[in-house]
PDB file of all heavy atoms in Angstrom:
ATOM      1  N   ASP A   1     108.187 108.943  98.918  1.00  0.00           N
ATOM      2  CA  ASP A   1     108.132 109.364 100.321  1.00  0.00           C
ATOM      3  C   ASP A   1     106.706 109.218 100.875  1.00  0.00           C
ATOM      4  O   ASP A   1     106.001 110.204 101.076  1.00  0.00           O
ATOM      5  CB  ASP A   1     108.579 110.820 100.447  1.00  0.00           C
ATOM      6  CG  ASP A   1     110.000 111.024  99.966  1.00  0.00           C
ATOM      7  OD1 ASP A   1     110.834 110.132 100.233  1.00  0.00           O
ATOM      8  OD2 ASP A   1     110.274 112.067  99.323  1.00  0.00           O
ATOM      9  N   VAL A   2     106.261 107.993 101.121  1.00  0.00           N
ATOM     10  CA  VAL A   2     104.891 107.738 101.565  1.00  0.00           C
ATOM     11  C   VAL A   2     104.603 108.456 102.884  1.00  0.00           C
ATOM     12  O   VAL A   2     103.583 109.133 103.032  1.00  0.00           O
ATOM     13  CB  VAL A   2     104.606 106.231 101.694  1.00  0.00           C
ATOM     14  CG1 VAL A   2     103.253 106.000 102.361  1.00  0.00           C
ATOM     15  CG2 VAL A   2     104.634 105.584 100.331  1.00  0.00           C
ATOM     16  N   LYS A   3     105.481 108.294 103.863  1.00  0.00           N
ATOM     17  CA  LYS A   3     105.213 108.903 105.179  1.00  0.00           C
ATOM     18  C   LYS A   3     105.125 110.419 105.094  1.00  0.00           C
ATOM     19  O   LYS A   3     104.223 111.036 105.673  1.00  0.00           O
ATOM     20  CB  LYS A   3     106.300 108.482 106.174  1.00  0.00           C
ATOM     21  CG  LYS A   3     106.026 108.989 107.595  1.00  0.00           C
ATOM     22  CD  LYS A   3     107.101 108.557 108.557  1.00  0.00           C
ATOM     23  CE  LYS A   3     106.754 108.990 109.978  1.00  0.00           C
ATOM     24  NZ  LYS A   3     106.509 110.430 110.099  1.00  0.00           N
ATOM     25  N   GLU A   4     106.071 111.025 104.398  1.00  0.00           N
ATOM     26  CA  GLU A   4     106.080 112.481 104.290  1.00  0.00           C
ATOM     27  C   GLU A   4     104.803 112.980 103.610  1.00  0.00           C
ATOM     28  O   GLU A   4     104.181 113.965 104.057  1.00  0.00           O
ATOM     29  CB  GLU A   4     107.300 112.927 103.497  1.00  0.00           C
ATOM     30  CG  GLU A   4     107.394 114.436 103.292  1.00  0.00           C
ATOM     31  CD  GLU A   4     108.534 114.849 102.391  1.00  0.00           C
ATOM     32  OE1 GLU A   4     109.538 114.099 102.330  1.00  0.00           O
ATOM     33  OE2 GLU A   4     108.415 115.900 101.738  1.00  0.00           O
ATOM     34  N   ILE A   5     104.408 112.331 102.526  1.00  0.00           N
ATOM     35  CA  ILE A   5     103.192 112.747 101.802  1.00  0.00           C
ATOM     36  C   ILE A   5     101.965 112.494 102.658  1.00  0.00           C
ATOM     37  O   ILE A   5     101.042 113.313 102.712  1.00  0.00           O
ATOM     38  CB  ILE A   5     103.090 112.017 100.453  1.00  0.00           C
ATOM     39  CG1 ILE A   5     104.253 112.430  99.561  1.00  0.00           C
ATOM     40  CG2 ILE A   5     101.759 112.347  99.760  1.00  0.00           C
ATOM     41  CD1 ILE A   5     104.358 111.633  98.269  1.00  0.00           C
ATOM     42  N   ALA A   6     101.937 111.346 103.345  1.00  0.00           N
ATOM     43  CA  ALA A   6     100.785 111.028 104.201  1.00  0.00           C
ATOM     44  C   ALA A   6     100.628 112.036 105.311  1.00  0.00           C
ATOM     45  O   ALA A   6      99.494 112.454 105.623  1.00  0.00           O
ATOM     46  CB  ALA A   6     100.933 109.612 104.766  1.00  0.00           C
ATOM     47  N   ASP A   7     101.727 112.471 105.931  1.00  0.00           N
ATOM     48  CA  ASP A   7     101.664 113.497 106.967  1.00  0.00           C
ATOM     49  C   ASP A   7     101.073 114.789 106.411  1.00  0.00           C
ATOM     50  O   ASP A   7     100.246 115.452 107.052  1.00  0.00           O
ATOM     51  CB  ASP A   7     103.050 113.774 107.540  1.00  0.00           C
ATOM     52  CG  ASP A   7     103.566 112.656 108.438  1.00  0.00           C
ATOM     53  OD1 ASP A   7     102.767 111.808 108.848  1.00  0.00           O
ATOM     54  OD2 ASP A   7     104.788 112.631 108.715  1.00  0.00           O
ATOM     55  N   HIS A   8     101.523 115.152 105.223  1.00  0.00           N
ATOM     56  CA  HIS A   8     101.038 116.382 104.584  1.00  0.00           C
ATOM     57  C   HIS A   8      99.543 116.272 104.280  1.00  0.00           C
ATOM     58  O   HIS A   8      98.771 117.195 104.568  1.00  0.00           O
ATOM     59  CB  HIS A   8     101.813 116.635 103.295  1.00  0.00           C
ATOM     60  CG  HIS A   8     101.351 117.837 102.539  1.00  0.00           C
ATOM     61  ND1 HIS A   8     101.906 119.090 102.733  1.00  0.00           N
ATOM     62  CD2 HIS A   8     100.362 118.008 101.618  1.00  0.00           C
ATOM     63  CE1 HIS A   8     101.283 119.973 101.952  1.00  0.00           C
ATOM     64  NE2 HIS A   8     100.361 119.328 101.276  1.00  0.00           N
ATOM     65  N   VAL A   9      99.120 115.157 103.701  1.00  0.00           N
ATOM     66  CA  VAL A   9      97.715 114.986 103.330  1.00  0.00           C
ATOM     67  C   VAL A   9      96.838 114.899 104.562  1.00  0.00           C
ATOM     68  O   VAL A   9      95.730 115.467 104.589  1.00  0.00           O
ATOM     69  CB  VAL A   9      97.546 113.726 102.434  1.00  0.00           C
ATOM     70  CG1 VAL A   9      96.068 113.443 102.192  1.00  0.00           C
ATOM     71  CG2 VAL A   9      98.281 113.908 101.107  1.00  0.00           C
ATOM     72  N   GLU A  10      97.295 114.231 105.609  1.00  0.00           N
ATOM     73  CA  GLU A  10      96.522 114.144 106.850  1.00  0.00           C
ATOM     74  C   GLU A  10      96.264 115.532 107.421  1.00  0.00           C
ATOM     75  O   GLU A  10      95.143 115.861 107.838  1.00  0.00           O
ATOM     76  CB  GLU A  10      97.246 113.284 107.876  1.00  0.00           C
ATOM     77  CG  GLU A  10      96.473 113.142 109.175  1.00  0.00           C
ATOM     78  CD  GLU A  10      97.196 112.301 110.197  1.00  0.00           C
ATOM     79  OE1 GLU A  10      98.400 112.559 110.446  1.00  0.00           O
ATOM     80  OE2 GLU A  10      96.585 111.390 110.770  1.00  0.00           O
ATOM     81  N   THR A  11      97.301 116.370 107.442  1.00  0.00           N
ATOM     82  CA  THR A  11      97.140 117.735 107.926  1.00  0.00           C
ATOM     83  C   THR A  11      96.172 118.526 107.054  1.00  0.00           C
ATOM     84  O   THR A  11      95.330 119.276 107.559  1.00  0.00           O
ATOM     85  CB  THR A  11      98.514 118.446 107.962  1.00  0.00           C
ATOM     86  OG1 THR A  11      99.386 117.725 108.848  1.00  0.00           O
ATOM     87  CG2 THR A  11      98.384 119.876 108.451  1.00  0.00           C
ATOM     88  N   PHE A  12      96.264 118.345 105.762  1.00  0.00           N
ATOM     89  CA  PHE A  12      95.334 119.019 104.832  1.00  0.00           C
ATOM     90  C   PHE A  12      93.899 118.594 105.092  1.00  0.00           C
ATOM     91  O   PHE A  12      92.967 119.411 105.099  1.00  0.00           O
ATOM     92  CB  PHE A  12      95.723 118.706 103.381  1.00  0.00           C
ATOM     93  CG  PHE A  12      94.815 119.302 102.351  1.00  0.00           C
ATOM     94  CD1 PHE A  12      94.929 120.651 102.008  1.00  0.00           C
ATOM     95  CD2 PHE A  12      93.847 118.527 101.731  1.00  0.00           C
ATOM     96  CE1 PHE A  12      94.086 121.202 101.063  1.00  0.00           C
ATOM     97  CE2 PHE A  12      93.007 119.076 100.792  1.00  0.00           C
ATOM     98  CZ  PHE A  12      93.124 120.416 100.449  1.00  0.00           C
ATOM     99  N   LEU A  13      93.701 117.306 105.347  1.00  0.00           N
ATOM    100  CA  LEU A  13      92.340 116.782 105.572  1.00  0.00           C
ATOM    101  C   LEU A  13      91.765 117.193 106.918  1.00  0.00           C
ATOM    102  O   LEU A  13      90.550 117.088 107.102  1.00  0.00           O
ATOM    103  CB  LEU A  13      92.342 115.256 105.452  1.00  0.00           C
ATOM    104  CG  LEU A  13      92.572 114.681 104.055  1.00  0.00           C
ATOM    105  CD1 LEU A  13      92.676 113.154 104.129  1.00  0.00           C
ATOM    106  CD2 LEU A  13      91.467 115.080 103.104  1.00  0.00           C
ATOM    107  N   ASP A  14      92.596 117.650 107.838  1.00  0.00           N
ATOM    108  CA  ASP A  14      92.093 118.074 109.159  1.00  0.00           C
ATOM    109  C   ASP A  14      90.971 119.110 109.042  1.00  0.00           C
ATOM    110  O   ASP A  14      90.071 119.130 109.866  1.00  0.00           O
ATOM    111  CB  ASP A  14      93.234 118.680 109.990  1.00  0.00           C
ATOM    112  CG  ASP A  14      94.076 117.624 110.684  1.00  0.00           C
ATOM    113  OD1 ASP A  14      93.596 116.490 110.865  1.00  0.00           O
ATOM    114  OD2 ASP A  14      95.241 117.951 111.061  1.00  0.00           O
ATOM    115  N   SER A  15      91.047 119.959 108.035  1.00  0.00           N
ATOM    116  CA  SER A  15      90.056 121.028 107.892  1.00  0.00           C
ATOM    117  C   SER A  15      89.011 120.734 106.831  1.00  0.00           C
ATOM    118  O   SER A  15      88.233 121.615 106.465  1.00  0.00           O
ATOM    119  CB  SER A  15      90.767 122.352 107.548  1.00  0.00           C
ATOM    120  OG  SER A  15      91.507 122.225 106.339  1.00  0.00           O
ATOM    121  N   ILE A  16      88.951 119.491 106.352  1.00  0.00           N
ATOM    122  CA  ILE A  16      87.975 119.094 105.326  1.00  0.00           C
ATOM    123  C   ILE A  16      86.858 118.304 105.972  1.00  0.00           C
ATOM    124  O   ILE A  16      87.095 117.316 106.665  1.00  0.00           O
ATOM    125  CB  ILE A  16      88.663 118.232 104.231  1.00  0.00           C
ATOM    126  CG1 ILE A  16      89.798 119.002 103.559  1.00  0.00           C
ATOM    127  CG2 ILE A  16      87.628 117.790 103.192  1.00  0.00           C
ATOM    128  CD1 ILE A  16      89.374 120.236 102.800  1.00  0.00           C
ATOM    129  N   ASN A  17      85.616 118.729 105.748  1.00  0.00           N
ATOM    130  CA  ASN A  17      84.454 117.996 106.271  1.00  0.00           C
ATOM    131  C   ASN A  17      83.635 117.452 105.123  1.00  0.00           C
ATOM    132  O   ASN A  17      82.564 117.945 104.795  1.00  0.00           O
ATOM    133  CB  ASN A  17      83.603 118.934 107.141  1.00  0.00           C
ATOM    134  CG  ASN A  17      84.370 119.471 108.338  1.00  0.00           C
ATOM    135  OD1 ASN A  17      84.653 120.640 108.410  1.00  0.00           O
ATOM    136  ND2 ASN A  17      84.724 118.594 109.242  1.00  0.00           N
ATOM    137  N   LYS A  18      84.165 116.422 104.487  1.00  0.00           N
ATOM    138  CA  LYS A  18      83.488 115.780 103.348  1.00  0.00           C
ATOM    139  C   LYS A  18      83.639 114.275 103.462  1.00  0.00           C
ATOM    140  O   LYS A  18      84.645 113.763 103.991  1.00  0.00           O
ATOM    141  CB  LYS A  18      84.114 116.242 102.022  1.00  0.00           C
ATOM    142  CG  LYS A  18      83.991 117.728 101.732  1.00  0.00           C
ATOM    143  CD  LYS A  18      84.699 118.073 100.413  1.00  0.00           C
ATOM    144  CE  LYS A  18      84.578 119.565 100.129  1.00  0.00           C
ATOM    145  NZ  LYS A  18      85.264 119.936  98.858  1.00  0.00           N
ATOM    146  N   ASP A  19      82.689 113.554 102.930  1.00  0.00           N
ATOM    147  CA  ASP A  19      82.754 112.096 102.920  1.00  0.00           C
ATOM    148  C   ASP A  19      83.520 111.675 101.671  1.00  0.00           C
ATOM    149  O   ASP A  19      82.954 111.244 100.671  1.00  0.00           O
ATOM    150  CB  ASP A  19      81.340 111.517 102.920  1.00  0.00           C
ATOM    151  CG  ASP A  19      81.355 109.993 103.053  1.00  0.00           C
ATOM    152  OD1 ASP A  19      82.415 109.441 103.438  1.00  0.00           O
ATOM    153  OD2 ASP A  19      80.310 109.372 102.776  1.00  0.00           O
ATOM    154  N   ILE A  20      84.827 111.816 101.740  1.00  0.00           N
ATOM    155  CA  ILE A  20      85.712 111.512 100.632  1.00  0.00           C
ATOM    156  C   ILE A  20      86.767 110.520 101.097  1.00  0.00           C
ATOM    157  O   ILE A  20      87.271 110.612 102.206  1.00  0.00           O
ATOM    158  CB  ILE A  20      86.357 112.787 100.048  1.00  0.00           C
ATOM    159  CG1 ILE A  20      87.212 112.454  98.824  1.00  0.00           C
ATOM    160  CG2 ILE A  20      87.170 113.524 101.109  1.00  0.00           C
ATOM    161  CD1 ILE A  20      87.703 113.679  98.070  1.00  0.00           C
ATOM    162  N   LYS A  21      87.097 109.573 100.229  1.00  0.00           N
ATOM    163  CA  LYS A  21      88.094 108.561 100.554  1.00  0.00           C
ATOM    164  C   LYS A  21      89.363 108.844  99.766  1.00  0.00           C
ATOM    165  O   LYS A  21      89.358 108.881  98.543  1.00  0.00           O
ATOM    166  CB  LYS A  21      87.563 107.161 100.216  1.00  0.00           C
ATOM    167  CG  LYS A  21      88.380 106.019 100.815  1.00  0.00           C
ATOM    168  CD  LYS A  21      87.648 104.698 100.613  1.00  0.00           C
ATOM    169  CE  LYS A  21      88.376 103.562 101.323  1.00  0.00           C
ATOM    170  NZ  LYS A  21      87.643 102.265 101.162  1.00  0.00           N
ATOM    171  N   VAL A  22      90.467 109.075 100.495  1.00  0.00           N
ATOM    172  CA  VAL A  22      91.733 109.507  99.919  1.00  0.00           C
ATOM    173  C   VAL A  22      92.808 108.468 100.239  1.00  0.00           C
ATOM    174  O   VAL A  22      92.849 107.938 101.343  1.00  0.00           O
ATOM    175  CB  VAL A  22      92.154 110.888 100.482  1.00  0.00           C
ATOM    176  CG1 VAL A  22      93.456 111.342  99.849  1.00  0.00           C
ATOM    177  CG2 VAL A  22      91.038 111.907 100.274  1.00  0.00           C
ATOM    178  N   ALA A  23      93.692 108.225  99.268  1.00  0.00           N
ATOM    179  CA  ALA A  23      94.745 107.230  99.468  1.00  0.00           C
ATOM    180  C   ALA A  23      96.111 107.837  99.227  1.00  0.00           C
ATOM    181  O   ALA A  23      96.299 108.671  98.332  1.00  0.00           O
ATOM    182  CB  ALA A  23      94.537 106.050  98.536  1.00  0.00           C
ATOM    183  N   VAL A  24      97.081 107.396 100.038  1.00  0.00           N
ATOM    184  CA  VAL A  24      98.501 107.676  99.807  1.00  0.00           C
ATOM    185  C   VAL A  24      99.191 106.296  99.804  1.00  0.00           C
ATOM    186  O   VAL A  24      99.268 105.641 100.844  1.00  0.00           O
ATOM    187  CB  VAL A  24      99.117 108.580 100.869  1.00  0.00           C
ATOM    188  CG1 VAL A  24     100.596 108.795 100.604  1.00  0.00           C
ATOM    189  CG2 VAL A  24      98.381 109.921 100.912  1.00  0.00           C
ATOM    190  N   MET A  25      99.670 105.883  98.624  1.00  0.00           N
ATOM    191  CA  MET A  25     100.171 104.528  98.463  1.00  0.00           C
ATOM    192  C   MET A  25     101.596 104.540  97.961  1.00  0.00           C
ATOM    193  O   MET A  25     102.109 105.548  97.467  1.00  0.00           O
ATOM    194  CB  MET A  25      99.272 103.740  97.528  1.00  0.00           C
ATOM    195  CG  MET A  25      97.770 103.824  97.830  1.00  0.00           C
ATOM    196  SD  MET A  25      97.358 103.203  99.471  1.00  0.00           S
ATOM    197  CE  MET A  25      97.411 101.439  99.191  1.00  0.00           C
ATOM    198  N   GLY A  26     102.254 103.376  98.074  1.00  0.00           N
ATOM    199  CA  GLY A  26     103.674 103.310  97.738  1.00  0.00           C
ATOM    200  C   GLY A  26     104.005 102.874  96.324  1.00  0.00           C
ATOM    201  O   GLY A  26     105.063 103.218  95.819  1.00  0.00           O
ATOM    202  N   CYS A  27     103.112 102.155  95.682  1.00  0.00           N
ATOM    203  CA  CYS A  27     103.410 101.650  94.335  1.00  0.00           C
ATOM    204  C   CYS A  27     102.124 101.424  93.558  1.00  0.00           C
ATOM    205  O   CYS A  27     101.035 101.375  94.146  1.00  0.00           O
ATOM    206  CB  CYS A  27     104.229 100.368  94.423  1.00  0.00           C
ATOM    207  SG  CYS A  27     103.260  98.948  95.008  1.00  0.00           S
ATOM    208  N   PRO A  28     102.182 101.250  92.243  1.00  0.00           N
ATOM    209  CA  PRO A  28     100.968 101.039  91.455  1.00  0.00           C
ATOM    210  C   PRO A  28     100.194  99.770  91.833  1.00  0.00           C
ATOM    211  O   PRO A  28      98.983  99.694  91.645  1.00  0.00           O
ATOM    212  CB  PRO A  28     101.500 100.938  90.028  1.00  0.00           C
ATOM    213  CG  PRO A  28     102.811 101.635  90.045  1.00  0.00           C
ATOM    214  CD  PRO A  28     103.371 101.368  91.401  1.00  0.00           C
ATOM    215  N   VAL A  29     100.892  98.764  92.367  1.00  0.00           N
ATOM    216  CA  VAL A  29     100.206  97.532  92.773  1.00  0.00           C
ATOM    217  C   VAL A  29      99.119  97.849  93.796  1.00  0.00           C
ATOM    218  O   VAL A  29      97.981  97.417  93.692  1.00  0.00           O
ATOM    219  CB  VAL A  29     101.212  96.511  93.350  1.00  0.00           C
ATOM    220  CG1 VAL A  29     100.459  95.308  93.927  1.00  0.00           C
ATOM    221  CG2 VAL A  29     102.204  96.069  92.293  1.00  0.00           C
ATOM    222  N   ASN A  30      99.510  98.635  94.813  1.00  0.00           N
ATOM    223  CA  ASN A  30      98.545  99.016  95.840  1.00  0.00           C
ATOM    224  C   ASN A  30      97.645 100.162  95.404  1.00  0.00           C
ATOM    225  O   ASN A  30      96.446 100.173  95.663  1.00  0.00           O
ATOM    226  CB  ASN A  30      99.280  99.414  97.135  1.00  0.00           C
ATOM    227  CG  ASN A  30      99.915  98.226  97.831  1.00  0.00           C
ATOM    228  OD1 ASN A  30      99.501  97.104  97.611  1.00  0.00           O
ATOM    229  ND2 ASN A  30     100.913  98.486  98.630  1.00  0.00           N
ATOM    230  N   GLY A  31      98.241 101.149  94.729  1.00  0.00           N
ATOM    231  CA  GLY A  31      97.462 102.328  94.333  1.00  0.00           C
ATOM    232  C   GLY A  31      96.303 102.013  93.410  1.00  0.00           C
ATOM    233  O   GLY A  31      95.144 102.299  93.718  1.00  0.00           O
ATOM    234  N   LEU A  32      96.608 101.417  92.284  1.00  0.00           N
ATOM    235  CA  LEU A  32      95.562 101.116  91.291  1.00  0.00           C
ATOM    236  C   LEU A  32      94.847  99.819  91.578  1.00  0.00           C
ATOM    237  O   LEU A  32      93.828  99.513  90.955  1.00  0.00           O
ATOM    238  CB  LEU A  32      96.178 101.066  89.887  1.00  0.00           C
ATOM    239  CG  LEU A  32      96.811 102.386  89.418  1.00  0.00           C
ATOM    240  CD1 LEU A  32      97.449 102.212  88.034  1.00  0.00           C
ATOM    241  CD2 LEU A  32      95.780 103.500  89.391  1.00  0.00           C
ATOM    242  N   GLY A  33      95.397  99.051  92.537  1.00  0.00           N
ATOM    243  CA  GLY A  33      94.747  97.776  92.883  1.00  0.00           C
ATOM    244  C   GLY A  33      93.973  97.853  94.183  1.00  0.00           C
ATOM    245  O   GLY A  33      92.761  98.014  94.201  1.00  0.00           O
ATOM    246  N   GLU A  34      94.710  97.799  95.295  1.00  0.00           N
ATOM    247  CA  GLU A  34      94.056  97.717  96.601  1.00  0.00           C
ATOM    248  C   GLU A  34      93.272  98.985  96.943  1.00  0.00           C
ATOM    249  O   GLU A  34      92.341  98.944  97.753  1.00  0.00           O
ATOM    250  CB  GLU A  34      95.112  97.439  97.664  1.00  0.00           C
ATOM    251  CG  GLU A  34      95.755  96.064  97.522  1.00  0.00           C
ATOM    252  CD  GLU A  34      96.878  95.822  98.513  1.00  0.00           C
ATOM    253  OE1 GLU A  34      97.007  96.628  99.452  1.00  0.00           O
ATOM    254  OE2 GLU A  34      97.630  94.852  98.337  1.00  0.00           O
ATOM    255  N   ALA A  35      93.660 100.138  96.406  1.00  0.00           N
ATOM    256  CA  ALA A  35      92.989 101.393  96.731  1.00  0.00           C
ATOM    257  C   ALA A  35      92.096 101.872  95.576  1.00  0.00           C
ATOM    258  O   ALA A  35      91.785 103.062  95.482  1.00  0.00           O
ATOM    259  CB  ALA A  35      94.007 102.465  97.058  1.00  0.00           C
TER     260      ALA A  35
END
């Protein structure tokens, strides 16, 4: 459920003020590769 998880993570990040790069990906090809 990429969209559902992304919505949840985006809301969580709304209150975070850090220079951190976070990914929500659909499969290991993109997750461990492109991200």
